[in-house]
PDB file of N, CA and C in Angstrom:
ATOM      1  N   MET A   1     108.818 107.127  89.117  1.00  0.00           N
ATOM      2  CA  MET A   1     109.569 105.940  89.410  1.00  0.00           C
ATOM      3  C   MET A   1     110.715 106.250  90.368  1.00  0.00           C
ATOM      4  N   LEU A   2     111.502 107.304  90.092  1.00  0.00           N
ATOM      5  CA  LEU A   2     112.600 107.658  90.985  1.00  0.00           C
ATOM      6  C   LEU A   2     112.075 108.151  92.332  1.00  0.00           C
ATOM      7  N   ARG A   3     110.978 108.886  92.302  1.00  0.00           N
ATOM      8  CA  ARG A   3     110.398 109.370  93.558  1.00  0.00           C
ATOM      9  C   ARG A   3     109.998 108.190  94.450  1.00  0.00           C
ATOM     10  N   GLU A   4     109.358 107.196  93.867  1.00  0.00           N
ATOM     11  CA  GLU A   4     108.937 106.023  94.623  1.00  0.00           C
ATOM     12  C   GLU A   4     110.150 105.304  95.219  1.00  0.00           C
ATOM     13  N   LEU A   5     111.181 105.153  94.430  1.00  0.00           N
ATOM     14  CA  LEU A   5     112.394 104.491  94.905  1.00  0.00           C
ATOM     15  C   LEU A   5     113.026 105.283  96.053  1.00  0.00           C
ATOM     16  N   ARG A   6     113.099 106.601  95.895  1.00  0.00           N
ATOM     17  CA  ARG A   6     113.678 107.449  96.945  1.00  0.00           C
ATOM     18  C   ARG A   6     112.859 107.358  98.223  1.00  0.00           C
ATOM     19  N   ARG A   7     111.559 107.403  98.096  1.00  0.00           N
ATOM     20  CA  ARG A   7     110.698 107.318  99.286  1.00  0.00           C
ATOM     21  C   ARG A   7     110.821 105.961  99.975  1.00  0.00           C
ATOM     22  N   ARG A   8     110.878 104.892  99.186  1.00  0.00           N
ATOM     23  CA  ARG A   8     111.047 103.555  99.769  1.00  0.00           C
ATOM     24  C   ARG A   8     112.370 103.437 100.518  1.00  0.00           C
ATOM     25  N   ALA A   9     113.367 104.175 100.047  1.00  0.00           N
ATOM     26  CA  ALA A   9     114.680 104.166 100.696  1.00  0.00           C
ATOM     27  C   ALA A   9     114.688 105.064 101.939  1.00  0.00           C
ATOM     28  N   GLY A  10     113.607 105.833 102.135  1.00  0.00           N
ATOM     29  CA  GLY A  10     113.520 106.712 103.300  1.00  0.00           C
ATOM     30  C   GLY A  10     114.422 107.932 103.207  1.00  0.00           C
ATOM     31  N   LYS A  11     114.690 108.388 102.005  1.00  0.00           N
ATOM     32  CA  LYS A  11     115.587 109.521 101.782  1.00  0.00           C
ATOM     33  C   LYS A  11     114.808 110.743 101.310  1.00  0.00           C
ATOM     34  N   THR A  12     115.356 111.912 101.589  1.00  0.00           N
ATOM     35  CA  THR A  12     114.743 113.168 101.149  1.00  0.00           C
ATOM     36  C   THR A  12     115.344 113.596  99.806  1.00  0.00           C
ATOM     37  N   GLN A  13     114.661 114.513  99.157  1.00  0.00           N
ATOM     38  CA  GLN A  13     115.204 115.072  97.916  1.00  0.00           C
ATOM     39  C   GLN A  13     116.522 115.775  98.186  1.00  0.00           C
ATOM     40  N   THR A  14     116.618 116.453  99.314  1.00  0.00           N
ATOM     41  CA  THR A  14     117.851 117.160  99.666  1.00  0.00           C
ATOM     42  C   THR A  14     119.006 116.175  99.832  1.00  0.00           C
ATOM     43  N   TRP A  15     118.752 115.062 100.502  1.00  0.00           N
ATOM     44  CA  TRP A  15     119.783 114.041 100.688  1.00  0.00           C
ATOM     45  C   TRP A  15     120.259 113.527  99.327  1.00  0.00           C
ATOM     46  N   LEU A  16     119.296 113.192  98.472  1.00  0.00           N
ATOM     47  CA  LEU A  16     119.629 112.652  97.154  1.00  0.00           C
ATOM     48  C   LEU A  16     120.394 113.682  96.322  1.00  0.00           C
ATOM     49  N   ALA A  17     119.958 114.917  96.365  1.00  0.00           N
ATOM     50  CA  ALA A  17     120.631 115.972  95.605  1.00  0.00           C
ATOM     51  C   ALA A  17     122.084 116.117  96.041  1.00  0.00           C
ATOM     52  N   ARG A  18     122.330 116.092  97.328  1.00  0.00           N
ATOM     53  CA  ARG A  18     123.708 116.205  97.820  1.00  0.00           C
ATOM     54  C   ARG A  18     124.552 115.026  97.385  1.00  0.00           C
ATOM     55  N   ARG A  19     123.987 113.825  97.445  1.00  0.00           N
ATOM     56  CA  ARG A  19     124.730 112.629  97.034  1.00  0.00           C
ATOM     57  C   ARG A  19     125.051 112.651  95.541  1.00  0.00           C
ATOM     58  N   CYS A  20     124.216 113.311  94.768  1.00  0.00           N
ATOM     59  CA  CYS A  20     124.385 113.330  93.311  1.00  0.00           C
ATOM     60  C   CYS A  20     124.976 114.636  92.789  1.00  0.00           C
ATOM     61  N   THR A  21     125.375 115.502  93.704  1.00  0.00           N
ATOM     62  CA  THR A  21     125.917 116.824  93.353  1.00  0.00           C
ATOM     63  C   THR A  21     125.023 117.572  92.364  1.00  0.00           C
ATOM     64  N   MET A  22     123.734 117.635  92.720  1.00  0.00           N
ATOM     65  CA  MET A  22     122.780 118.424  91.947  1.00  0.00           C
ATOM     66  C   MET A  22     121.884 119.164  92.932  1.00  0.00           C
ATOM     67  N   SER A  23     121.110 120.089  92.455  1.00  0.00           N
ATOM     68  CA  SER A  23     120.246 120.858  93.346  1.00  0.00           C
ATOM     69  C   SER A  23     118.990 120.064  93.711  1.00  0.00           C
ATOM     70  N   GLN A  24     118.407 120.417  94.831  1.00  0.00           N
ATOM     71  CA  GLN A  24     117.143 119.801  95.244  1.00  0.00           C
ATOM     72  C   GLN A  24     116.070 120.130  94.228  1.00  0.00           C
ATOM     73  N   THR A  25     116.122 121.317  93.654  1.00  0.00           N
ATOM     74  CA  THR A  25     115.154 121.712  92.634  1.00  0.00           C
ATOM     75  C   THR A  25     115.239 120.802  91.420  1.00  0.00           C
ATOM     76  N   LYS A  26     116.452 120.440  91.032  1.00  0.00           N
ATOM     77  CA  LYS A  26     116.615 119.530  89.895  1.00  0.00           C
ATOM     78  C   LYS A  26     116.021 118.170  90.209  1.00  0.00           C
ATOM     79  N   VAL A  27     116.285 117.646  91.412  1.00  0.00           N
ATOM     80  CA  VAL A  27     115.705 116.360  91.808  1.00  0.00           C
ATOM     81  C   VAL A  27     114.183 116.450  91.753  1.00  0.00           C
ATOM     82  N   SER A  28     113.627 117.515  92.302  1.00  0.00           N
ATOM     83  CA  SER A  28     112.182 117.704  92.299  1.00  0.00           C
ATOM     84  C   SER A  28     111.628 117.742  90.877  1.00  0.00           C
ATOM     85  N   ASN A  29     112.298 118.483  90.000  1.00  0.00           N
ATOM     86  CA  ASN A  29     111.833 118.600  88.618  1.00  0.00           C
ATOM     87  C   ASN A  29     111.929 117.273  87.869  1.00  0.00           C
ATOM     88  N   ILE A  30     112.956 116.491  88.159  1.00  0.00           N
ATOM     89  CA  ILE A  30     113.078 115.164  87.541  1.00  0.00           C
ATOM     90  C   ILE A  30     111.949 114.268  88.033  1.00  0.00           C
ATOM     91  N   GLU A  31     111.739 114.254  89.347  1.00  0.00           N
ATOM     92  CA  GLU A  31     110.694 113.399  89.913  1.00  0.00           C
ATOM     93  C   GLU A  31     109.299 113.772  89.431  1.00  0.00           C
ATOM     94  N   SER A  32     109.057 115.043  89.213  1.00  0.00           N
ATOM     95  CA  SER A  32     107.721 115.484  88.799  1.00  0.00           C
ATOM     96  C   SER A  32     107.514 115.416  87.288  1.00  0.00           C
ATOM     97  N   GLY A  33     108.578 115.107  86.551  1.00  0.00           N
ATOM     98  CA  GLY A  33     108.461 115.019  85.099  1.00  0.00           C
ATOM     99  C   GLY A  33     108.622 116.335  84.384  1.00  0.00           C
ATOM    100  N   LYS A  34     108.987 117.388  85.106  1.00  0.00           N
ATOM    101  CA  LYS A  34     109.189 118.692  84.479  1.00  0.00           C
ATOM    102  C   LYS A  34     110.523 118.763  83.751  1.00  0.00           C
ATOM    103  N   LEU A  35     111.438 117.865  84.115  1.00  0.00           N
ATOM    104  CA  LEU A  35     112.767 117.835  83.517  1.00  0.00           C
ATOM    105  C   LEU A  35     113.121 116.395  83.182  1.00  0.00           C
ATOM    106  N   THR A  36     113.576 116.175  81.973  1.00  0.00           N
ATOM    107  CA  THR A  36     114.029 114.846  81.580  1.00  0.00           C
ATOM    108  C   THR A  36     115.483 114.701  82.001  1.00  0.00           C
ATOM    109  N   PRO A  37     115.771 113.705  82.840  1.00  0.00           N
ATOM    110  CA  PRO A  37     117.145 113.544  83.316  1.00  0.00           C
ATOM    111  C   PRO A  37     118.043 112.942  82.240  1.00  0.00           C
ATOM    112  N   SER A  38     119.318 113.263  82.346  1.00  0.00           N
ATOM    113  CA  SER A  38     120.283 112.617  81.473  1.00  0.00           C
ATOM    114  C   SER A  38     120.502 111.190  81.974  1.00  0.00           C
ATOM    115  N   LEU A  39     121.106 110.372  81.162  1.00  0.00           N
ATOM    116  CA  LEU A  39     121.433 109.016  81.577  1.00  0.00           C
ATOM    117  C   LEU A  39     122.354 109.054  82.795  1.00  0.00           C
ATOM    118  N   LEU A  40     123.301 109.976  82.802  1.00  0.00           N
ATOM    119  CA  LEU A  40     124.209 110.116  83.941  1.00  0.00           C
ATOM    120  C   LEU A  40     123.437 110.480  85.209  1.00  0.00           C
ATOM    121  N   ASP A  41     122.460 111.393  85.106  1.00  0.00           N
ATOM    122  CA  ASP A  41     121.628 111.754  86.264  1.00  0.00           C
ATOM    123  C   ASP A  41     120.943 110.518  86.835  1.00  0.00           C
ATOM    124  N   VAL A  42     120.332 109.731  85.964  1.00  0.00           N
ATOM    125  CA  VAL A  42     119.609 108.529  86.398  1.00  0.00           C
ATOM    126  C   VAL A  42     120.564 107.543  87.046  1.00  0.00           C
ATOM    127  N   GLU A  43     121.709 107.321  86.432  1.00  0.00           N
ATOM    128  CA  GLU A  43     122.687 106.390  86.989  1.00  0.00           C
ATOM    129  C   GLU A  43     123.153 106.844  88.368  1.00  0.00           C
ATOM    130  N   MET A  44     123.437 108.142  88.525  1.00  0.00           N
ATOM    131  CA  MET A  44     123.874 108.657  89.819  1.00  0.00           C
ATOM    132  C   MET A  44     122.790 108.492  90.880  1.00  0.00           C
ATOM    133  N   MET A  45     121.556 108.784  90.499  1.00  0.00           N
ATOM    134  CA  MET A  45     120.443 108.680  91.449  1.00  0.00           C
ATOM    135  C   MET A  45     120.217 107.232  91.864  1.00  0.00           C
ATOM    136  N   LEU A  46     120.238 106.319  90.905  1.00  0.00           N
ATOM    137  CA  LEU A  46     120.054 104.905  91.220  1.00  0.00           C
ATOM    138  C   LEU A  46     121.176 104.394  92.123  1.00  0.00           C
ATOM    139  N   GLN A  47     122.401 104.777  91.808  1.00  0.00           N
ATOM    140  CA  GLN A  47     123.537 104.348  92.618  1.00  0.00           C
ATOM    141  C   GLN A  47     123.420 104.897  94.038  1.00  0.00           C
ATOM    142  N   ALA A  48     123.065 106.163  94.175  1.00  0.00           N
ATOM    143  CA  ALA A  48     122.930 106.772  95.498  1.00  0.00           C
ATOM    144  C   ALA A  48     121.854 106.075  96.320  1.00  0.00           C
ATOM    145  N   LEU A  49     120.821 105.593  95.654  1.00  0.00           N
ATOM    146  CA  LEU A  49     119.710 104.934  96.343  1.00  0.00           C
ATOM    147  C   LEU A  49     119.920 103.429  96.491  1.00  0.00           C
ATOM    148  N   GLY A  50     121.054 102.946  96.016  1.00  0.00           N
ATOM    149  CA  GLY A  50     121.368 101.532  96.174  1.00  0.00           C
ATOM    150  C   GLY A  50     120.613 100.619  95.241  1.00  0.00           C
ATOM    151  N   ALA A  51     120.167 101.163  94.120  1.00  0.00           N
ATOM    152  CA  ALA A  51     119.431 100.366  93.138  1.00  0.00           C
ATOM    153  C   ALA A  51     120.283 100.224  91.888  1.00  0.00           C
ATOM    154  N   GLY A  52     120.211  99.083  91.261  1.00  0.00           N
ATOM    155  CA  GLY A  52     120.933  98.868  90.018  1.00  0.00           C
ATOM    156  C   GLY A  52     120.108  99.307  88.829  1.00  0.00           C
ATOM    157  N   VAL A  53     120.753  99.398  87.698  1.00  0.00           N
ATOM    158  CA  VAL A  53     120.052  99.780  86.470  1.00  0.00           C
ATOM    159  C   VAL A  53     118.967  98.765  86.130  1.00  0.00           C
ATOM    160  N   ALA A  54     119.137  97.513  86.538  1.00  0.00           N
ATOM    161  CA  ALA A  54     118.114  96.495  86.285  1.00  0.00           C
ATOM    162  C   ALA A  54     116.785  96.883  86.913  1.00  0.00           C
ATOM    163  N   TRP A  55     116.810  97.657  87.986  1.00  0.00           N
ATOM    164  CA  TRP A  55     115.575  98.101  88.642  1.00  0.00           C
ATOM    165  C   TRP A  55     114.678  98.841  87.668  1.00  0.00           C
ATOM    166  N   THR A  56     115.255  99.576  86.723  1.00  0.00           N
ATOM    167  CA  THR A  56     114.445 100.330  85.775  1.00  0.00           C
ATOM    168  C   THR A  56     113.667  99.425  84.851  1.00  0.00           C
ATOM    169  N   ARG A  57     114.107  98.174  84.714  1.00  0.00           N
ATOM    170  CA  ARG A  57     113.422  97.223  83.835  1.00  0.00           C
ATOM    171  C   ARG A  57     112.301  96.478  84.552  1.00  0.00           C
ATOM    172  N   VAL A  58     112.478  96.228  85.846  1.00  0.00           N
ATOM    173  CA  VAL A  58     111.515  95.399  86.558  1.00  0.00           C
ATOM    174  C   VAL A  58     110.723  96.135  87.633  1.00  0.00           C
ATOM    175  N   GLY A  59     111.236  97.271  88.103  1.00  0.00           N
ATOM    176  CA  GLY A  59     110.537  98.043  89.114  1.00  0.00           C
ATOM    177  C   GLY A  59     110.884  97.598  90.525  1.00  0.00           C
ATOM    178  N   PRO A  60     110.484  98.415  91.504  1.00  0.00           N
ATOM    179  CA  PRO A  60     110.814  98.119  92.896  1.00  0.00           C
ATOM    180  C   PRO A  60     110.117  96.852  93.376  1.00  0.00           C
ATOM    181  N   GLY A  61     110.839  96.063  94.141  1.00  0.00           N
ATOM    182  CA  GLY A  61     110.261  94.854  94.707  1.00  0.00           C
ATOM    183  C   GLY A  61     110.078  93.727  93.707  1.00  0.00           C
ATOM    184  N   GLN A  62     110.547  93.924  92.494  1.00  0.00           N
ATOM    185  CA  GLN A  62     110.342  92.903  91.459  1.00  0.00           C
ATOM    186  C   GLN A  62     111.614  92.136  91.130  1.00  0.00           C
ATOM    187  N   GLY A  63     112.764  92.619  91.601  1.00  0.00           N
ATOM    188  CA  GLY A  63     113.973  91.921  91.203  1.00  0.00           C
ATOM    189  C   GLY A  63     115.110  92.110  92.121  1.00  0.00           C
TER     190      GLY A  63
END
């Protein structure tokens, strides 16, 4: 879900990692499901990508 949102925004994992003060490896692991993100991680990523928390309920292009 986060990977799709990031790609739709035209951003790289490196860009997102820098905006969220986390490593690119962490972003990759979250996107691939190897790491469960904290609520704070998700909030930071959504904010950096310009999406609200409501997006998690309805998905991209739905709200």
